[in-house]
Each structure stands twice: as structure tokens, then as C-alpha cells.
Amino acid sequence: MALSYKARRRWALVILLIGMPLYIIVAVNVVAMLGRPSILVELLVFVGLGIVWILPFKSIFKGIGQADPDAPPEDDI
């Protein structure tokens, strides 16, 4: 069952406000476990983790910036 537009917007907000800060903490801890890598390795890890976090949520974020497709059309008179 597909989520409605409103549900996807709410889940996107929850993911950005709660999930993303938690993921940032995890990413920083992953880099800290590597010891003190070179700047290039650290950059690659952060870029890789920055891309990986969005893959499971791609369907939730798709189309959120558009107008609500379920809303009735507005009459411009």
C-alpha cells in the first residue's frame, strides 16, 4: 500500500528532524573508529555515508516539493 502525499510529507519531516541527526552521530562515530585517517579517506567516508542514508528513503522524499496531487484543483477566476 502506497503512502498518501500527506503521510509522505510527515514521514519526511520525522526523518529529517529525528533520523538525520541520529545518522550524523553514527557517521561521526564510524569515522572516529577509523582512528585518524587522512583527510581524503575521511572525506570519502562522509560522502559515502551521506549518499547511503537517503537510499532507503528515496520513495518517501520523491515529489514532496511538488503540489499535492490529491488536492482538488484550484479555480482561477
N, C-alpha and C. Protein backbone atom coordinates (compact mmCIF):
# COMPACT_ATOMS: atom_id res chain seq x y z
N MET A 1 0.84 -1.18 0.00
CA MET A 1 0.00 0.00 0.00
C MET A 1 0.89 1.24 0.00
N ALA A 2 0.62 2.12 -0.93
CA ALA A 2 1.42 3.34 -1.06
C ALA A 2 0.96 4.37 -0.03
N LEU A 3 1.91 5.16 0.43
CA LEU A 3 1.59 6.22 1.39
C LEU A 3 0.95 7.40 0.67
N SER A 4 0.05 8.07 1.34
CA SER A 4 -0.54 9.27 0.76
C SER A 4 0.48 10.39 0.77
N TYR A 5 0.16 11.47 0.06
CA TYR A 5 1.07 12.61 -0.01
C TYR A 5 1.30 13.21 1.37
N LYS A 6 0.23 13.35 2.15
CA LYS A 6 0.36 13.92 3.50
C LYS A 6 1.20 13.03 4.40
N ALA A 7 1.01 11.72 4.30
CA ALA A 7 1.79 10.80 5.12
C ALA A 7 3.26 10.85 4.74
N ARG A 8 3.54 10.93 3.43
CA ARG A 8 4.94 11.02 3.00
C ARG A 8 5.57 12.31 3.49
N ARG A 9 4.83 13.41 3.48
CA ARG A 9 5.37 14.69 3.99
C ARG A 9 5.67 14.59 5.47
N ARG A 10 4.77 13.97 6.22
CA ARG A 10 5.00 13.82 7.66
C ARG A 10 6.20 12.94 7.95
N TRP A 11 6.30 11.81 7.24
CA TRP A 11 7.44 10.92 7.44
C TRP A 11 8.74 11.59 7.03
N ALA A 12 8.72 12.38 5.97
CA ALA A 12 9.92 13.10 5.55
C ALA A 12 10.36 14.08 6.64
N LEU A 13 9.41 14.74 7.26
CA LEU A 13 9.74 15.67 8.34
C LEU A 13 10.33 14.93 9.54
N VAL A 14 9.76 13.79 9.90
CA VAL A 14 10.28 13.00 11.01
C VAL A 14 11.69 12.51 10.70
N ILE A 15 11.90 12.06 9.48
CA ILE A 15 13.22 11.57 9.09
C ILE A 15 14.25 12.69 9.16
N LEU A 16 13.88 13.88 8.69
CA LEU A 16 14.84 14.98 8.69
C LEU A 16 15.10 15.54 10.08
N LEU A 17 14.09 15.58 10.94
CA LEU A 17 14.25 16.18 12.26
C LEU A 17 14.81 15.22 13.31
N ILE A 18 14.52 13.93 13.17
CA ILE A 18 14.97 12.96 14.18
C ILE A 18 16.01 12.01 13.61
N GLY A 19 15.72 11.44 12.46
CA GLY A 19 16.60 10.42 11.89
C GLY A 19 17.93 10.96 11.40
N MET A 20 17.91 12.11 10.76
CA MET A 20 19.16 12.64 10.21
C MET A 20 20.17 13.03 11.29
N PRO A 21 19.77 13.71 12.37
CA PRO A 21 20.75 13.97 13.44
C PRO A 21 21.32 12.69 14.05
N LEU A 22 20.48 11.67 14.21
CA LEU A 22 20.98 10.40 14.73
C LEU A 22 21.97 9.77 13.76
N TYR A 23 21.68 9.86 12.48
CA TYR A 23 22.59 9.31 11.48
C TYR A 23 23.91 10.07 11.44
N ILE A 24 23.88 11.38 11.67
CA ILE A 24 25.10 12.17 11.72
C ILE A 24 25.98 11.70 12.88
N ILE A 25 25.36 11.44 14.02
CA ILE A 25 26.10 10.94 15.18
C ILE A 25 26.75 9.60 14.85
N VAL A 26 26.02 8.72 14.19
CA VAL A 26 26.56 7.42 13.80
C VAL A 26 27.71 7.60 12.82
N ALA A 27 27.57 8.50 11.85
CA ALA A 27 28.63 8.71 10.85
C ALA A 27 29.90 9.24 11.51
N VAL A 28 29.76 10.16 12.44
CA VAL A 28 30.93 10.70 13.13
C VAL A 28 31.60 9.60 13.96
N ASN A 29 30.83 8.75 14.59
CA ASN A 29 31.40 7.64 15.36
C ASN A 29 32.11 6.62 14.47
N VAL A 30 31.58 6.39 13.27
CA VAL A 30 32.24 5.48 12.33
C VAL A 30 33.61 6.03 11.94
N VAL A 31 33.67 7.31 11.66
CA VAL A 31 34.96 7.92 11.29
C VAL A 31 35.90 7.91 12.48
N ALA A 32 35.38 8.10 13.68
CA ALA A 32 36.22 8.08 14.88
C ALA A 32 36.80 6.68 15.12
N MET A 33 36.06 5.65 14.75
CA MET A 33 36.56 4.28 14.91
C MET A 33 37.72 3.99 13.97
N LEU A 34 37.83 4.73 12.90
CA LEU A 34 38.92 4.52 11.94
C LEU A 34 40.25 5.07 12.46
N GLY A 35 40.22 5.67 13.61
CA GLY A 35 41.44 6.29 14.12
C GLY A 35 41.55 7.70 13.56
N ARG A 36 42.71 8.05 13.08
CA ARG A 36 42.91 9.36 12.46
C ARG A 36 43.30 9.16 11.00
N PRO A 37 42.28 8.91 10.13
CA PRO A 37 42.60 8.69 8.72
C PRO A 37 43.00 10.00 8.04
N SER A 38 43.52 9.89 6.85
CA SER A 38 43.87 11.09 6.10
C SER A 38 42.58 11.85 5.75
N ILE A 39 42.74 13.09 5.39
CA ILE A 39 41.60 13.94 5.06
C ILE A 39 40.81 13.37 3.89
N LEU A 40 41.51 12.81 2.91
CA LEU A 40 40.85 12.25 1.74
C LEU A 40 39.99 11.04 2.12
N VAL A 41 40.51 10.16 2.95
CA VAL A 41 39.74 8.99 3.39
C VAL A 41 38.53 9.44 4.20
N GLU A 42 38.74 10.40 5.08
CA GLU A 42 37.64 10.91 5.89
C GLU A 42 36.56 11.54 5.01
N LEU A 43 36.97 12.29 4.01
CA LEU A 43 36.02 12.90 3.08
C LEU A 43 35.24 11.83 2.33
N LEU A 44 35.92 10.81 1.85
CA LEU A 44 35.25 9.74 1.12
C LEU A 44 34.25 8.99 1.99
N VAL A 45 34.60 8.77 3.26
CA VAL A 45 33.67 8.08 4.17
C VAL A 45 32.44 8.94 4.40
N PHE A 46 32.62 10.24 4.65
CA PHE A 46 31.47 11.11 4.88
C PHE A 46 30.60 11.24 3.64
N VAL A 47 31.20 11.35 2.47
CA VAL A 47 30.42 11.45 1.23
C VAL A 47 29.67 10.14 0.99
N GLY A 48 30.33 9.02 1.19
CA GLY A 48 29.67 7.72 1.02
C GLY A 48 28.51 7.53 1.98
N LEU A 49 28.72 7.85 3.25
CA LEU A 49 27.64 7.71 4.22
C LEU A 49 26.53 8.73 3.96
N GLY A 50 26.90 9.89 3.43
CA GLY A 50 25.89 10.90 3.10
C GLY A 50 24.98 10.45 1.97
N ILE A 51 25.50 9.66 1.06
CA ILE A 51 24.67 9.14 -0.04
C ILE A 51 23.88 7.92 0.42
N VAL A 52 24.49 7.07 1.22
CA VAL A 52 23.86 5.81 1.63
C VAL A 52 22.61 6.04 2.48
N TRP A 53 22.58 7.08 3.30
CA TRP A 53 21.45 7.25 4.22
C TRP A 53 20.14 7.52 3.50
N ILE A 54 20.21 8.12 2.31
CA ILE A 54 18.98 8.51 1.62
C ILE A 54 18.38 7.38 0.79
N LEU A 55 19.16 6.38 0.43
CA LEU A 55 18.66 5.32 -0.45
C LEU A 55 17.40 4.62 0.07
N PRO A 56 17.31 4.25 1.35
CA PRO A 56 16.07 3.59 1.80
C PRO A 56 14.85 4.53 1.82
N PHE A 57 15.10 5.84 1.85
CA PHE A 57 14.01 6.80 1.98
C PHE A 57 13.69 7.52 0.67
N LYS A 58 14.25 7.06 -0.42
CA LYS A 58 14.08 7.72 -1.71
C LYS A 58 12.60 7.85 -2.09
N SER A 59 11.82 6.81 -1.87
CA SER A 59 10.41 6.85 -2.25
C SER A 59 9.60 7.81 -1.38
N ILE A 60 10.05 8.03 -0.15
CA ILE A 60 9.33 8.95 0.73
C ILE A 60 9.57 10.40 0.30
N PHE A 61 10.80 10.72 -0.07
CA PHE A 61 11.14 12.09 -0.42
C PHE A 61 10.77 12.48 -1.85
N LYS A 62 10.50 11.50 -2.69
CA LYS A 62 10.21 11.79 -4.10
C LYS A 62 8.88 12.54 -4.22
N GLY A 63 8.91 13.73 -4.81
CA GLY A 63 7.70 14.50 -5.07
C GLY A 63 7.21 15.34 -3.91
N ILE A 64 7.94 15.41 -2.82
CA ILE A 64 7.49 16.17 -1.65
C ILE A 64 7.45 17.66 -1.94
N GLY A 65 8.34 18.16 -2.78
CA GLY A 65 8.38 19.59 -3.09
C GLY A 65 7.32 20.03 -4.08
N GLN A 66 6.58 19.10 -4.63
CA GLN A 66 5.54 19.43 -5.61
C GLN A 66 4.22 19.71 -4.91
N ALA A 67 3.27 20.23 -5.66
CA ALA A 67 1.93 20.46 -5.12
C ALA A 67 1.26 19.12 -4.83
N ASP A 68 0.31 19.13 -3.90
CA ASP A 68 -0.40 17.91 -3.51
C ASP A 68 -1.20 17.39 -4.70
N PRO A 69 -0.88 16.19 -5.19
CA PRO A 69 -1.62 15.65 -6.34
C PRO A 69 -3.04 15.22 -5.96
N ASP A 70 -3.30 15.02 -4.68
CA ASP A 70 -4.63 14.59 -4.25
C ASP A 70 -5.57 15.76 -3.97
N ALA A 71 -5.03 16.97 -3.95
CA ALA A 71 -5.85 18.13 -3.64
C ALA A 71 -6.74 18.46 -4.83
N PRO A 72 -7.93 18.99 -4.54
CA PRO A 72 -8.80 19.40 -5.64
C PRO A 72 -8.18 20.59 -6.39
N PRO A 73 -8.39 20.68 -7.67
CA PRO A 73 -7.79 21.79 -8.43
C PRO A 73 -8.37 23.12 -8.00
N GLU A 74 -7.50 24.14 -8.02
CA GLU A 74 -7.96 25.47 -7.66
C GLU A 74 -8.51 26.16 -8.90
N ASP A 75 -9.62 26.83 -8.75
CA ASP A 75 -10.23 27.57 -9.87
C ASP A 75 -9.70 28.99 -9.86
N ASP A 76 -9.02 29.38 -10.94
CA ASP A 76 -8.53 30.75 -11.06
C ASP A 76 -9.54 31.55 -11.87
N ILE A 77 -10.27 32.39 -11.18
CA ILE A 77 -11.29 33.20 -11.84
C ILE A 77 -10.89 34.63 -11.86
